[in-house]
Amino acid sequence: MLEYSMFERLPFRSQAEAIAKNGTILARRKYNTWHVTLYEFNDTFVELWSGDAVQVFSTFKASASKVAIFEPYLDSVDVGELGVSEL
């Protein structure tokens, strides 16, 4: 298992290979012209920001709360498909 601190130091191509092999897509969203994908990777969270000519992985500080990480993705979640009825 690749240590998270080591992941941050890898070149982009190696990060992409590690995410493809061991990452799980959790959510997707758009931010302006960016497509942002949230991954779970080795018990942490990583975002892939994809633009017209560039892709960048971003990581979160260890102190970031899960609620803060997931909040930008909540608008894209369709809870209707979960079978949750209104109260």
N, C-alpha and C. Protein backbone atom coordinates (compact mmCIF):
# COMPACT_ATOMS: atom_id res chain seq x y z
N MET A 1 0.85 -1.18 0.00
CA MET A 1 0.00 0.00 0.00
C MET A 1 0.89 1.24 0.00
N LEU A 2 0.60 2.16 -0.89
CA LEU A 2 1.36 3.39 -1.01
C LEU A 2 0.96 4.35 0.11
N GLU A 3 1.95 4.81 0.87
CA GLU A 3 1.68 5.79 1.92
C GLU A 3 1.17 7.08 1.30
N TYR A 4 0.19 7.70 1.96
CA TYR A 4 -0.42 8.91 1.44
C TYR A 4 0.61 10.02 1.25
N SER A 5 1.52 10.21 2.21
CA SER A 5 2.52 11.28 2.09
C SER A 5 3.43 11.03 0.89
N MET A 6 3.67 9.77 0.57
CA MET A 6 4.48 9.45 -0.61
C MET A 6 3.71 9.75 -1.89
N PHE A 7 2.39 9.51 -1.88
CA PHE A 7 1.55 9.81 -3.04
C PHE A 7 1.69 11.27 -3.44
N GLU A 8 1.66 12.16 -2.46
CA GLU A 8 1.73 13.59 -2.74
C GLU A 8 3.02 13.97 -3.46
N ARG A 9 4.09 13.23 -3.26
CA ARG A 9 5.39 13.55 -3.85
C ARG A 9 5.62 12.91 -5.21
N LEU A 10 4.73 12.03 -5.63
CA LEU A 10 4.90 11.35 -6.91
C LEU A 10 4.63 12.31 -8.08
N PRO A 11 5.24 12.05 -9.24
CA PRO A 11 4.87 12.81 -10.44
C PRO A 11 3.44 12.46 -10.84
N PHE A 12 2.81 13.33 -11.61
CA PHE A 12 1.41 13.16 -11.97
C PHE A 12 1.13 11.78 -12.57
N ARG A 13 1.95 11.33 -13.50
CA ARG A 13 1.70 10.04 -14.16
C ARG A 13 1.64 8.90 -13.14
N SER A 14 2.53 8.91 -12.16
CA SER A 14 2.54 7.87 -11.13
C SER A 14 1.33 8.01 -10.21
N GLN A 15 0.92 9.25 -9.91
CA GLN A 15 -0.30 9.45 -9.12
C GLN A 15 -1.51 8.88 -9.86
N ALA A 16 -1.59 9.15 -11.15
CA ALA A 16 -2.72 8.67 -11.95
C ALA A 16 -2.75 7.14 -11.97
N GLU A 17 -1.60 6.51 -12.09
CA GLU A 17 -1.54 5.04 -12.07
C GLU A 17 -1.98 4.48 -10.72
N ALA A 18 -1.55 5.12 -9.64
CA ALA A 18 -1.93 4.66 -8.29
C ALA A 18 -3.43 4.80 -8.08
N ILE A 19 -4.00 5.92 -8.52
CA ILE A 19 -5.45 6.14 -8.37
C ILE A 19 -6.22 5.13 -9.22
N ALA A 20 -5.76 4.88 -10.45
CA ALA A 20 -6.44 3.92 -11.32
C ALA A 20 -6.42 2.53 -10.71
N LYS A 21 -5.34 2.19 -10.05
CA LYS A 21 -5.19 0.84 -9.49
C LYS A 21 -5.91 0.69 -8.15
N ASN A 22 -5.83 1.70 -7.28
CA ASN A 22 -6.31 1.56 -5.90
C ASN A 22 -7.36 2.57 -5.47
N GLY A 23 -7.76 3.47 -6.35
CA GLY A 23 -8.72 4.50 -5.99
C GLY A 23 -10.15 4.09 -6.32
N THR A 24 -11.10 4.71 -5.61
CA THR A 24 -12.52 4.48 -5.85
C THR A 24 -13.19 5.83 -6.07
N ILE A 25 -13.90 5.98 -7.19
CA ILE A 25 -14.62 7.22 -7.46
C ILE A 25 -15.81 7.30 -6.51
N LEU A 26 -15.90 8.44 -5.81
CA LEU A 26 -17.01 8.66 -4.88
C LEU A 26 -18.04 9.63 -5.43
N ALA A 27 -17.59 10.66 -6.14
CA ALA A 27 -18.52 11.69 -6.62
C ALA A 27 -17.85 12.51 -7.72
N ARG A 28 -18.70 13.19 -8.50
CA ARG A 28 -18.22 14.09 -9.55
C ARG A 28 -19.02 15.38 -9.49
N ARG A 29 -18.36 16.47 -9.92
CA ARG A 29 -19.04 17.77 -9.99
C ARG A 29 -18.34 18.64 -11.01
N LYS A 30 -18.97 19.77 -11.33
CA LYS A 30 -18.36 20.78 -12.19
C LYS A 30 -18.10 22.02 -11.35
N TYR A 31 -16.99 22.69 -11.60
CA TYR A 31 -16.69 23.96 -10.98
C TYR A 31 -16.15 24.87 -12.07
N ASN A 32 -16.95 25.85 -12.47
CA ASN A 32 -16.64 26.70 -13.63
C ASN A 32 -16.36 25.80 -14.83
N THR A 33 -15.18 25.85 -15.40
CA THR A 33 -14.86 25.02 -16.56
C THR A 33 -14.17 23.71 -16.18
N TRP A 34 -14.01 23.46 -14.89
CA TRP A 34 -13.32 22.27 -14.40
C TRP A 34 -14.30 21.13 -14.16
N HIS A 35 -13.86 19.91 -14.43
CA HIS A 35 -14.56 18.68 -14.02
C HIS A 35 -13.76 18.13 -12.85
N VAL A 36 -14.44 17.94 -11.71
CA VAL A 36 -13.76 17.53 -10.49
C VAL A 36 -14.29 16.16 -10.07
N THR A 37 -13.37 15.24 -9.83
CA THR A 37 -13.73 13.89 -9.42
C THR A 37 -13.12 13.62 -8.05
N LEU A 38 -13.95 13.19 -7.11
CA LEU A 38 -13.49 12.86 -5.76
C LEU A 38 -13.24 11.35 -5.68
N TYR A 39 -12.05 11.00 -5.21
CA TYR A 39 -11.66 9.60 -5.04
C TYR A 39 -11.38 9.31 -3.57
N GLU A 40 -11.65 8.07 -3.18
CA GLU A 40 -11.14 7.55 -1.91
C GLU A 40 -9.90 6.76 -2.30
N PHE A 41 -8.81 7.02 -1.58
CA PHE A 41 -7.53 6.38 -1.89
C PHE A 41 -6.78 6.13 -0.59
N ASN A 42 -6.60 4.86 -0.25
CA ASN A 42 -5.87 4.49 0.97
C ASN A 42 -6.41 5.20 2.21
N ASP A 43 -7.73 5.17 2.36
CA ASP A 43 -8.41 5.77 3.52
C ASP A 43 -8.27 7.29 3.60
N THR A 44 -8.02 7.93 2.48
CA THR A 44 -7.98 9.39 2.41
C THR A 44 -8.75 9.82 1.16
N PHE A 45 -8.85 11.12 0.93
CA PHE A 45 -9.58 11.66 -0.21
C PHE A 45 -8.64 12.44 -1.11
N VAL A 46 -8.84 12.28 -2.42
CA VAL A 46 -8.05 12.96 -3.43
C VAL A 46 -9.03 13.46 -4.49
N GLU A 47 -8.81 14.68 -4.99
CA GLU A 47 -9.62 15.20 -6.09
C GLU A 47 -8.76 15.28 -7.35
N LEU A 48 -9.37 14.96 -8.48
CA LEU A 48 -8.75 15.17 -9.78
C LEU A 48 -9.49 16.32 -10.45
N TRP A 49 -8.78 17.40 -10.72
CA TRP A 49 -9.32 18.56 -11.41
C TRP A 49 -8.90 18.46 -12.87
N SER A 50 -9.87 18.35 -13.78
CA SER A 50 -9.59 18.21 -15.20
C SER A 50 -10.10 19.43 -15.94
N GLY A 51 -9.19 20.08 -16.66
CA GLY A 51 -9.55 21.23 -17.49
C GLY A 51 -9.29 20.91 -18.94
N ASP A 52 -9.37 21.93 -19.79
CA ASP A 52 -9.19 21.73 -21.22
C ASP A 52 -7.80 21.18 -21.55
N ALA A 53 -6.77 21.68 -20.90
CA ALA A 53 -5.41 21.28 -21.27
C ALA A 53 -4.59 20.79 -20.09
N VAL A 54 -5.23 20.59 -18.94
CA VAL A 54 -4.45 20.23 -17.76
C VAL A 54 -5.28 19.35 -16.82
N GLN A 55 -4.59 18.48 -16.10
CA GLN A 55 -5.20 17.70 -15.03
C GLN A 55 -4.29 17.82 -13.81
N VAL A 56 -4.92 17.99 -12.65
CA VAL A 56 -4.17 18.18 -11.41
C VAL A 56 -4.84 17.38 -10.30
N PHE A 57 -4.04 16.64 -9.52
CA PHE A 57 -4.56 16.00 -8.33
C PHE A 57 -4.38 16.95 -7.16
N SER A 58 -5.39 17.04 -6.31
CA SER A 58 -5.27 17.83 -5.09
C SER A 58 -5.61 16.95 -3.90
N THR A 59 -4.98 17.23 -2.80
CA THR A 59 -5.17 16.45 -1.59
C THR A 59 -5.73 17.36 -0.50
N PHE A 60 -6.17 16.76 0.58
CA PHE A 60 -6.75 17.49 1.70
C PHE A 60 -5.86 17.37 2.91
N LYS A 61 -5.86 18.42 3.72
CA LYS A 61 -5.13 18.35 4.99
C LYS A 61 -5.76 17.28 5.87
N ALA A 62 -4.97 16.68 6.72
CA ALA A 62 -5.47 15.64 7.61
C ALA A 62 -6.58 16.16 8.51
N SER A 63 -6.57 17.45 8.79
CA SER A 63 -7.58 18.04 9.68
C SER A 63 -8.90 18.35 8.98
N ALA A 64 -8.98 18.19 7.66
CA ALA A 64 -10.22 18.49 6.93
C ALA A 64 -11.31 17.50 7.32
N SER A 65 -12.50 18.02 7.60
CA SER A 65 -13.60 17.14 7.99
C SER A 65 -14.23 16.51 6.75
N LYS A 66 -14.78 15.33 6.91
CA LYS A 66 -15.44 14.65 5.80
C LYS A 66 -16.63 15.45 5.30
N VAL A 67 -17.31 16.12 6.19
CA VAL A 67 -18.46 16.94 5.79
C VAL A 67 -17.99 18.06 4.87
N ALA A 68 -16.90 18.73 5.20
CA ALA A 68 -16.37 19.81 4.38
C ALA A 68 -15.91 19.29 3.02
N ILE A 69 -15.35 18.10 2.98
CA ILE A 69 -14.89 17.52 1.72
C ILE A 69 -16.06 17.18 0.82
N PHE A 70 -17.13 16.61 1.37
CA PHE A 70 -18.27 16.18 0.58
C PHE A 70 -19.26 17.30 0.24
N GLU A 71 -19.25 18.39 0.98
CA GLU A 71 -20.24 19.45 0.77
C GLU A 71 -20.34 19.95 -0.67
N PRO A 72 -19.25 20.21 -1.38
CA PRO A 72 -19.38 20.70 -2.76
C PRO A 72 -20.05 19.71 -3.72
N TYR A 73 -20.14 18.46 -3.33
CA TYR A 73 -20.71 17.43 -4.19
C TYR A 73 -22.19 17.18 -3.92
N LEU A 74 -22.73 17.73 -2.86
CA LEU A 74 -24.10 17.41 -2.45
C LEU A 74 -25.15 17.81 -3.48
N ASP A 75 -24.93 18.91 -4.20
CA ASP A 75 -25.91 19.33 -5.20
C ASP A 75 -26.04 18.34 -6.35
N SER A 76 -25.03 17.53 -6.57
CA SER A 76 -25.08 16.58 -7.68
C SER A 76 -25.61 15.21 -7.26
N VAL A 77 -25.97 15.04 -6.00
CA VAL A 77 -26.50 13.76 -5.51
C VAL A 77 -28.01 13.75 -5.70
N ASP A 78 -28.51 12.73 -6.37
CA ASP A 78 -29.95 12.57 -6.58
C ASP A 78 -30.48 11.58 -5.55
N VAL A 79 -31.05 12.10 -4.46
CA VAL A 79 -31.53 11.22 -3.39
C VAL A 79 -32.84 10.53 -3.78
N GLY A 80 -33.49 10.99 -4.85
CA GLY A 80 -34.70 10.35 -5.31
C GLY A 80 -34.46 8.90 -5.70
N GLU A 81 -33.27 8.61 -6.22
CA GLU A 81 -32.95 7.26 -6.63
C GLU A 81 -32.66 6.35 -5.44
N LEU A 82 -32.52 6.94 -4.25
CA LEU A 82 -32.22 6.15 -3.06
C LEU A 82 -33.46 5.61 -2.39
N GLY A 83 -34.63 6.00 -2.87
CA GLY A 83 -35.88 5.52 -2.29
C GLY A 83 -36.22 6.21 -0.98
N VAL A 84 -35.68 7.41 -0.76
CA VAL A 84 -35.95 8.16 0.46
C VAL A 84 -37.20 9.00 0.22
N SER A 85 -38.19 8.85 1.09
CA SER A 85 -39.41 9.63 0.94
C SER A 85 -39.34 10.87 1.82
N GLU A 86 -40.11 11.88 1.42
CA GLU A 86 -40.17 13.11 2.19
C GLU A 86 -40.87 12.87 3.51
N LEU A 87 -40.48 13.58 4.53
CA LEU A 87 -41.11 13.43 5.84
C LEU A 87 -42.34 14.29 5.94
